[in-house]
N, C-alpha and C. Protein backbone atom coordinates (compact mmCIF):
# COMPACT_ATOMS: atom_id res chain seq x y z
N MET A 1 86.87 127.23 120.90
CA MET A 1 86.66 126.01 120.31
C MET A 1 85.59 126.13 119.17
N ASN A 2 85.79 125.51 118.06
CA ASN A 2 84.91 125.41 116.98
C ASN A 2 84.67 123.91 116.61
N ILE A 3 83.52 123.68 115.99
CA ILE A 3 83.30 122.28 115.47
C ILE A 3 83.24 122.40 114.00
N TYR A 4 84.09 121.64 113.29
CA TYR A 4 84.16 121.56 111.88
C TYR A 4 83.57 120.29 111.41
N ILE A 5 82.63 120.33 110.45
CA ILE A 5 81.99 119.14 110.01
C ILE A 5 82.36 119.01 108.47
N ASP A 6 82.92 117.85 108.10
CA ASP A 6 83.15 117.42 106.76
C ASP A 6 81.73 117.05 106.30
N ALA A 7 80.94 118.04 105.78
CA ALA A 7 79.50 117.98 105.78
C ALA A 7 78.89 117.39 104.56
N ASP A 8 79.57 117.09 103.49
CA ASP A 8 78.94 116.61 102.30
C ASP A 8 78.14 115.28 102.55
N ALA A 9 78.70 114.39 103.32
CA ALA A 9 77.96 113.15 103.51
C ALA A 9 77.76 112.82 105.00
N CYS A 10 77.72 113.85 105.75
CA CYS A 10 77.64 113.62 107.27
C CYS A 10 76.24 113.52 107.67
N PRO A 11 75.83 112.31 108.24
CA PRO A 11 74.38 112.15 108.56
C PRO A 11 74.03 112.63 110.05
N VAL A 12 75.00 113.29 110.67
CA VAL A 12 74.71 113.72 112.08
C VAL A 12 74.79 115.26 112.20
N ASN A 13 74.69 115.95 111.13
CA ASN A 13 74.77 117.42 111.25
C ASN A 13 73.81 117.99 112.16
N ASN A 14 72.54 117.51 112.14
CA ASN A 14 71.52 118.04 113.05
C ASN A 14 71.80 117.84 114.47
N ILE A 15 72.37 116.67 114.80
CA ILE A 15 72.73 116.37 116.22
C ILE A 15 73.82 117.39 116.62
N VAL A 16 74.85 117.51 115.84
CA VAL A 16 75.94 118.45 116.22
C VAL A 16 75.46 119.80 116.31
N ILE A 17 74.57 120.33 115.41
CA ILE A 17 74.07 121.66 115.53
C ILE A 17 73.26 121.85 116.76
N GLU A 18 72.40 120.91 117.09
CA GLU A 18 71.52 120.96 118.25
C GLU A 18 72.38 121.04 119.58
N GLU A 19 73.31 120.15 119.65
CA GLU A 19 74.11 120.05 120.89
C GLU A 19 75.12 121.29 121.03
N ALA A 20 75.66 121.70 119.92
CA ALA A 20 76.60 122.78 119.90
C ALA A 20 75.86 124.10 120.22
N ARG A 21 74.65 124.22 119.76
CA ARG A 21 73.85 125.43 120.06
C ARG A 21 73.67 125.49 121.66
N LYS A 22 73.32 124.34 122.27
CA LYS A 22 73.15 124.33 123.67
C LYS A 22 74.39 124.78 124.43
N ALA A 23 75.53 124.35 123.82
CA ALA A 23 76.82 124.65 124.52
C ALA A 23 77.46 125.96 124.07
N ASN A 24 76.78 126.63 123.12
CA ASN A 24 77.30 127.91 122.52
C ASN A 24 78.61 127.72 121.83
N ILE A 25 78.76 126.65 121.00
CA ILE A 25 79.98 126.41 120.28
C ILE A 25 79.68 126.59 118.79
N PRO A 26 80.47 127.43 118.13
CA PRO A 26 80.23 127.62 116.69
C PRO A 26 80.39 126.33 115.87
N VAL A 27 79.56 126.14 114.88
CA VAL A 27 79.68 125.05 113.93
C VAL A 27 79.96 125.52 112.53
N ILE A 28 80.97 124.87 111.94
CA ILE A 28 81.29 125.27 110.56
C ILE A 28 81.10 124.09 109.70
N LEU A 29 80.16 124.16 108.77
CA LEU A 29 79.87 123.10 107.79
C LEU A 29 80.75 123.31 106.56
N VAL A 30 81.70 122.41 106.22
CA VAL A 30 82.46 122.63 105.05
C VAL A 30 82.00 121.58 104.00
N LYS A 31 81.54 122.12 102.89
CA LYS A 31 80.90 121.33 101.81
C LYS A 31 81.24 121.87 100.44
N SER A 32 81.09 120.93 99.48
CA SER A 32 81.43 121.37 98.13
C SER A 32 80.31 122.17 97.50
N PHE A 33 80.67 122.93 96.49
CA PHE A 33 79.68 123.80 95.78
C PHE A 33 78.53 123.00 95.23
N SER A 34 78.78 121.67 95.01
CA SER A 34 77.67 120.84 94.43
C SER A 34 76.55 120.65 95.49
N HIS A 35 76.82 121.00 96.71
CA HIS A 35 75.77 121.01 97.76
C HIS A 35 75.32 122.39 98.25
N TYR A 36 75.54 123.32 97.31
CA TYR A 36 75.16 124.74 97.61
C TYR A 36 73.71 124.85 97.92
N SER A 37 73.43 125.72 98.87
CA SER A 37 71.99 126.04 99.21
C SER A 37 71.83 127.45 99.50
N ASN A 38 70.70 128.05 99.11
CA ASN A 38 70.38 129.42 99.44
C ASN A 38 69.75 129.51 100.84
N LYS A 39 69.41 128.33 101.46
CA LYS A 39 68.86 128.33 102.75
C LYS A 39 69.73 128.91 103.76
N GLU A 40 69.17 129.85 104.63
CA GLU A 40 69.96 130.46 105.69
C GLU A 40 70.42 129.45 106.70
N ASP A 41 71.77 129.63 107.09
CA ASP A 41 72.24 128.74 108.17
C ASP A 41 71.58 129.03 109.47
N PRO A 42 71.33 128.01 110.30
CA PRO A 42 70.88 128.22 111.67
C PRO A 42 71.80 129.13 112.51
N THR A 43 71.30 129.71 113.54
CA THR A 43 72.12 130.54 114.41
C THR A 43 73.30 129.69 114.95
N GLY A 44 74.51 130.28 114.87
CA GLY A 44 75.64 129.59 115.36
C GLY A 44 76.32 128.68 114.36
N VAL A 45 75.75 128.62 113.16
CA VAL A 45 76.31 127.77 112.09
C VAL A 45 76.68 128.55 110.91
N THR A 46 77.88 128.25 110.28
CA THR A 46 78.40 128.86 109.10
C THR A 46 78.71 127.82 108.13
N SER A 47 78.29 128.04 106.86
CA SER A 47 78.62 127.09 105.76
C SER A 47 79.76 127.70 104.95
N ILE A 48 80.75 126.88 104.74
CA ILE A 48 81.87 127.24 103.80
C ILE A 48 81.85 126.25 102.65
N TYR A 49 81.83 126.85 101.46
CA TYR A 49 81.79 126.05 100.17
C TYR A 49 83.16 125.99 99.63
N VAL A 50 83.51 124.81 99.08
CA VAL A 50 84.81 124.60 98.47
C VAL A 50 84.66 123.99 97.09
N ASP A 51 85.67 124.01 96.33
CA ASP A 51 85.60 123.37 94.91
C ASP A 51 85.21 121.87 95.03
N HIS A 52 85.00 121.30 93.91
CA HIS A 52 84.51 119.96 93.84
C HIS A 52 85.59 118.90 94.04
N GLY A 53 86.86 119.31 94.12
CA GLY A 53 87.94 118.43 94.26
C GLY A 53 87.82 117.43 95.39
N ALA A 54 88.39 116.21 95.20
CA ALA A 54 88.21 115.16 96.16
C ALA A 54 88.60 115.51 97.58
N ASP A 55 89.62 116.32 97.75
CA ASP A 55 90.07 116.64 99.17
C ASP A 55 89.96 118.07 99.44
N ALA A 56 89.18 118.82 98.67
CA ALA A 56 89.04 120.30 98.86
C ALA A 56 88.51 120.58 100.27
N ALA A 57 87.47 119.88 100.72
CA ALA A 57 86.89 120.11 102.04
C ALA A 57 87.98 119.75 103.16
N ASP A 58 88.71 118.64 103.00
CA ASP A 58 89.68 118.31 103.96
C ASP A 58 90.74 119.42 104.03
N TYR A 59 91.24 119.95 102.98
CA TYR A 59 92.30 120.95 103.02
C TYR A 59 91.78 122.27 103.69
N ARG A 60 90.51 122.57 103.45
CA ARG A 60 89.94 123.76 104.03
C ARG A 60 89.79 123.60 105.54
N ILE A 61 89.39 122.45 105.95
CA ILE A 61 89.19 122.19 107.40
C ILE A 61 90.55 122.25 108.01
N MET A 62 91.49 121.62 107.41
CA MET A 62 92.88 121.66 107.99
C MET A 62 93.50 123.06 108.08
N ALA A 63 93.13 123.89 107.15
CA ALA A 63 93.68 125.25 107.13
C ALA A 63 93.03 126.09 108.23
N LEU A 64 91.81 125.75 108.57
CA LEU A 64 91.02 126.53 109.59
C LEU A 64 91.16 125.99 111.02
N ALA A 65 91.24 124.69 111.16
CA ALA A 65 91.18 124.12 112.50
C ALA A 65 92.40 124.35 113.34
N LYS A 66 92.24 124.51 114.60
CA LYS A 66 93.21 124.69 115.62
C LYS A 66 93.17 123.55 116.60
N SER A 67 94.24 123.43 117.37
CA SER A 67 94.34 122.42 118.40
C SER A 67 93.05 122.45 119.34
N LEU A 68 92.57 121.30 119.63
CA LEU A 68 91.34 121.14 120.46
C LEU A 68 90.01 121.53 119.85
N ASP A 69 90.05 121.93 118.58
CA ASP A 69 88.77 122.07 117.86
C ASP A 69 88.26 120.70 117.64
N ILE A 70 86.93 120.52 117.45
CA ILE A 70 86.33 119.23 117.13
C ILE A 70 86.10 119.08 115.66
N ILE A 71 86.47 117.96 115.10
CA ILE A 71 86.19 117.74 113.72
C ILE A 71 85.39 116.44 113.54
N ILE A 72 84.35 116.50 112.77
CA ILE A 72 83.42 115.36 112.53
C ILE A 72 83.70 114.89 111.07
N THR A 73 84.17 113.69 110.94
CA THR A 73 84.45 113.20 109.58
C THR A 73 84.45 111.66 109.61
N GLN A 74 84.12 111.13 108.42
CA GLN A 74 84.27 109.65 108.22
C GLN A 74 85.51 109.40 107.37
N ASP A 75 86.27 110.44 107.03
CA ASP A 75 87.46 110.34 106.23
C ASP A 75 88.67 110.01 107.11
N TYR A 76 89.24 108.92 107.00
CA TYR A 76 90.43 108.46 107.78
C TYR A 76 91.66 109.34 107.58
N GLY A 77 91.82 109.75 106.37
CA GLY A 77 92.90 110.62 106.02
C GLY A 77 92.85 111.96 106.68
N LEU A 78 91.66 112.56 106.63
CA LEU A 78 91.45 113.84 107.31
C LEU A 78 91.64 113.64 108.77
N ALA A 79 91.08 112.61 109.36
CA ALA A 79 91.17 112.32 110.75
C ALA A 79 92.62 112.26 111.18
N SER A 80 93.38 111.54 110.38
CA SER A 80 94.84 111.39 110.77
C SER A 80 95.56 112.74 110.75
N LEU A 81 95.29 113.55 109.76
CA LEU A 81 95.88 114.90 109.70
C LEU A 81 95.47 115.73 110.89
N ALA A 82 94.16 115.72 111.23
CA ALA A 82 93.58 116.47 112.31
C ALA A 82 94.19 116.02 113.64
N LEU A 83 94.36 114.83 113.86
CA LEU A 83 94.97 114.28 115.09
C LEU A 83 96.38 114.87 115.28
N GLY A 84 97.11 114.91 114.11
CA GLY A 84 98.47 115.41 114.20
C GLY A 84 98.48 116.89 114.51
N LYS A 85 97.35 117.56 114.37
CA LYS A 85 97.29 119.01 114.62
C LYS A 85 96.78 119.21 116.07
N GLY A 86 96.38 118.16 116.73
CA GLY A 86 95.88 118.22 118.08
C GLY A 86 94.39 118.46 118.25
N CYS A 87 93.67 118.17 117.13
CA CYS A 87 92.22 118.30 117.12
C CYS A 87 91.54 117.03 117.81
N ILE A 88 90.36 117.20 118.20
CA ILE A 88 89.52 116.06 118.66
C ILE A 88 88.66 115.66 117.44
N VAL A 89 88.82 114.33 117.07
CA VAL A 89 88.17 113.92 115.82
C VAL A 89 87.26 112.80 116.15
N LEU A 90 85.94 112.96 115.64
CA LEU A 90 84.93 111.99 115.90
C LEU A 90 84.30 111.46 114.57
N HIS A 91 83.93 110.22 114.59
CA HIS A 91 83.23 109.61 113.46
C HIS A 91 81.73 109.63 113.79
N HIS A 92 80.89 109.69 112.71
CA HIS A 92 79.48 109.75 112.94
C HIS A 92 78.87 108.50 113.49
N LYS A 93 79.59 107.39 113.41
CA LYS A 93 79.12 106.21 114.03
C LYS A 93 79.34 106.10 115.53
N GLY A 94 79.94 107.16 116.12
CA GLY A 94 80.05 107.26 117.53
C GLY A 94 81.34 106.72 118.11
N PHE A 95 82.39 106.91 117.42
CA PHE A 95 83.69 106.56 118.03
C PHE A 95 84.66 107.75 117.80
N LYS A 96 85.63 107.83 118.70
CA LYS A 96 86.65 108.89 118.62
C LYS A 96 87.92 108.32 117.94
N TYR A 97 88.40 109.04 117.00
CA TYR A 97 89.69 108.70 116.41
C TYR A 97 90.84 108.99 117.34
N THR A 98 91.74 108.11 117.48
CA THR A 98 92.88 108.36 118.37
C THR A 98 94.13 107.85 117.65
N ILE A 99 95.27 108.27 118.20
CA ILE A 99 96.58 107.79 117.71
C ILE A 99 96.61 106.22 117.76
N ASN A 100 95.93 105.69 118.78
CA ASN A 100 96.04 104.23 119.01
C ASN A 100 95.11 103.49 117.98
N ASN A 101 94.04 103.99 117.52
CA ASN A 101 93.24 103.29 116.47
C ASN A 101 93.39 103.69 115.04
N MET A 102 94.19 104.78 114.82
CA MET A 102 94.37 105.25 113.45
C MET A 102 95.12 104.32 112.57
N ASP A 103 96.17 103.69 113.05
CA ASP A 103 96.93 102.81 112.24
C ASP A 103 96.07 101.66 111.74
N GLU A 104 95.31 101.12 112.64
CA GLU A 104 94.45 99.92 112.23
C GLU A 104 93.44 100.34 111.22
N LEU A 105 92.82 101.60 111.43
CA LEU A 105 91.83 102.07 110.46
C LEU A 105 92.44 102.33 109.11
N LEU A 106 93.58 102.91 109.05
CA LEU A 106 94.24 103.16 107.76
C LEU A 106 94.73 101.90 107.06
N GLN A 107 95.15 100.92 107.84
CA GLN A 107 95.63 99.68 107.27
C GLN A 107 94.41 98.91 106.69
N THR A 108 93.27 98.94 107.33
CA THR A 108 92.08 98.30 106.88
C THR A 108 91.61 99.00 105.58
N ARG A 109 91.63 100.22 105.59
CA ARG A 109 91.27 101.06 104.37
C ARG A 109 92.16 100.64 103.18
N HIS A 110 93.46 100.65 103.43
CA HIS A 110 94.43 100.20 102.46
C HIS A 110 94.16 98.78 101.90
N ALA A 111 93.98 97.89 102.80
CA ALA A 111 93.74 96.49 102.40
C ALA A 111 92.49 96.39 101.59
N ASN A 112 91.41 97.08 101.93
CA ASN A 112 90.10 97.00 101.18
C ASN A 112 90.33 97.61 99.79
N ALA A 113 91.07 98.74 99.72
CA ALA A 113 91.33 99.35 98.38
C ALA A 113 92.16 98.42 97.52
N LYS A 114 93.11 97.79 98.08
CA LYS A 114 93.98 96.82 97.35
C LYS A 114 93.19 95.65 96.84
N ALA A 115 92.27 95.16 97.67
CA ALA A 115 91.40 94.08 97.29
C ALA A 115 90.41 94.54 96.17
N ARG A 116 89.91 95.69 96.19
CA ARG A 116 89.00 96.19 95.20
C ARG A 116 89.74 96.33 93.79
N ARG A 117 91.00 96.73 93.92
CA ARG A 117 91.80 96.89 92.71
C ARG A 117 92.13 95.53 92.10
N GLY A 118 92.12 94.59 92.98
CA GLY A 118 92.28 93.15 92.54
C GLY A 118 91.04 92.44 92.01
N GLY A 119 89.95 93.18 92.02
CA GLY A 119 88.70 92.66 91.50
C GLY A 119 87.79 92.05 92.59
N PHE A 120 88.18 92.14 93.81
CA PHE A 120 87.34 91.63 94.93
C PHE A 120 86.31 92.64 95.33
N LYS A 121 85.18 92.16 95.77
CA LYS A 121 84.13 93.09 96.26
C LYS A 121 84.29 93.19 97.79
N THR A 122 84.26 94.36 98.28
CA THR A 122 84.27 94.56 99.76
C THR A 122 83.01 95.11 100.23
N ARG A 123 82.64 94.83 101.47
CA ARG A 123 81.40 95.35 101.98
C ARG A 123 81.50 96.86 102.22
N GLY A 124 80.47 97.57 101.95
CA GLY A 124 80.38 98.95 102.20
C GLY A 124 79.94 99.13 103.71
N PRO A 125 79.87 100.35 104.10
CA PRO A 125 79.52 100.57 105.47
C PRO A 125 78.07 100.23 105.74
N LYS A 126 77.82 99.80 106.94
CA LYS A 126 76.44 99.50 107.34
C LYS A 126 75.62 100.74 107.51
N ALA A 127 74.33 100.68 107.27
CA ALA A 127 73.49 101.89 107.35
C ALA A 127 73.56 102.38 108.82
N LEU A 128 73.40 103.70 108.96
CA LEU A 128 73.41 104.35 110.20
C LEU A 128 72.15 104.09 110.84
N THR A 129 72.17 103.57 112.15
CA THR A 129 71.04 103.31 112.94
C THR A 129 70.75 104.37 113.96
N GLU A 130 69.53 104.33 114.54
CA GLU A 130 69.24 105.29 115.60
C GLU A 130 70.18 105.06 116.79
N SER A 131 70.56 103.83 117.00
CA SER A 131 71.51 103.52 118.05
C SER A 131 72.84 104.17 117.84
N ASP A 132 73.29 104.20 116.53
CA ASP A 132 74.49 104.87 116.14
C ASP A 132 74.41 106.37 116.43
N ARG A 133 73.33 106.94 116.08
CA ARG A 133 73.09 108.34 116.25
C ARG A 133 73.17 108.73 117.76
N GLU A 134 72.57 107.93 118.59
CA GLU A 134 72.59 108.10 120.07
C GLU A 134 74.00 107.94 120.65
N LYS A 135 74.67 106.92 120.07
CA LYS A 135 76.07 106.68 120.49
C LYS A 135 76.92 107.95 120.11
N PHE A 136 76.68 108.41 118.86
CA PHE A 136 77.44 109.64 118.48
C PHE A 136 77.11 110.83 119.44
N ARG A 137 75.83 111.02 119.73
CA ARG A 137 75.46 112.17 120.62
C ARG A 137 76.18 112.04 121.96
N SER A 138 76.22 110.79 122.48
CA SER A 138 76.90 110.49 123.70
C SER A 138 78.40 110.78 123.69
N VAL A 139 79.04 110.42 122.59
CA VAL A 139 80.50 110.64 122.45
C VAL A 139 80.70 112.20 122.31
N LEU A 140 79.95 112.85 121.57
CA LEU A 140 80.03 114.27 121.41
C LEU A 140 79.86 115.01 122.80
N LEU A 141 78.85 114.69 123.51
CA LEU A 141 78.57 115.25 124.79
C LEU A 141 79.72 115.00 125.77
N GLN A 142 80.32 113.81 125.73
CA GLN A 142 81.44 113.56 126.60
C GLN A 142 82.61 114.31 126.27
N GLU A 143 82.80 114.62 124.95
CA GLU A 143 83.89 115.54 124.60
C GLU A 143 83.66 116.96 125.11
N PHE A 144 82.45 117.40 125.13
CA PHE A 144 82.08 118.70 125.68
C PHE A 144 82.40 118.70 127.18
N GLN A 145 82.14 117.59 127.87
CA GLN A 145 82.45 117.51 129.27
C GLN A 145 84.00 117.49 129.49
N ASN A 146 84.70 116.73 128.64
CA ASN A 146 86.13 116.68 128.82
C ASN A 146 86.81 118.08 128.62
N GLN A 147 86.19 118.86 127.86
CA GLN A 147 86.69 120.26 127.61
C GLN A 147 86.01 121.27 128.55
N ASN A 148 85.29 120.78 129.51
CA ASN A 148 84.66 121.62 130.56
C ASN A 148 83.71 122.65 129.93
N ILE A 149 82.93 122.21 128.98
CA ILE A 149 81.91 123.06 128.29
C ILE A 149 80.54 122.66 128.86
């Protein structure tokens, strides 16, 4: 098992790295070259850099991920593709994407995009709280338990 993080805007990288290190699970941070760093990755972590294209990180994650790998993303499109591949997909706000909630999430995204195109303002995401971080940690650890790690 590997953990892939859609890392450009992921606010829980440190939690994932900390918990994955304890469980001896490799973490792959997939990010665009605009986030390039000379800083050495922590033990057990690999950074993969991709072009600046809108979906370049998504495509790379999907090319690398295998069934039962864990993917951390806030991108519903990537989550949907990863579920189809048999991956475990988590959102940084502390919920697991499932076949059962994906349709509603995608429909909401579509409705909001349609409203914005029509000139309406939609609310952006709420700021990540410490409670959200702990909820995410709990969901991640639960997945480790589910996989007998």
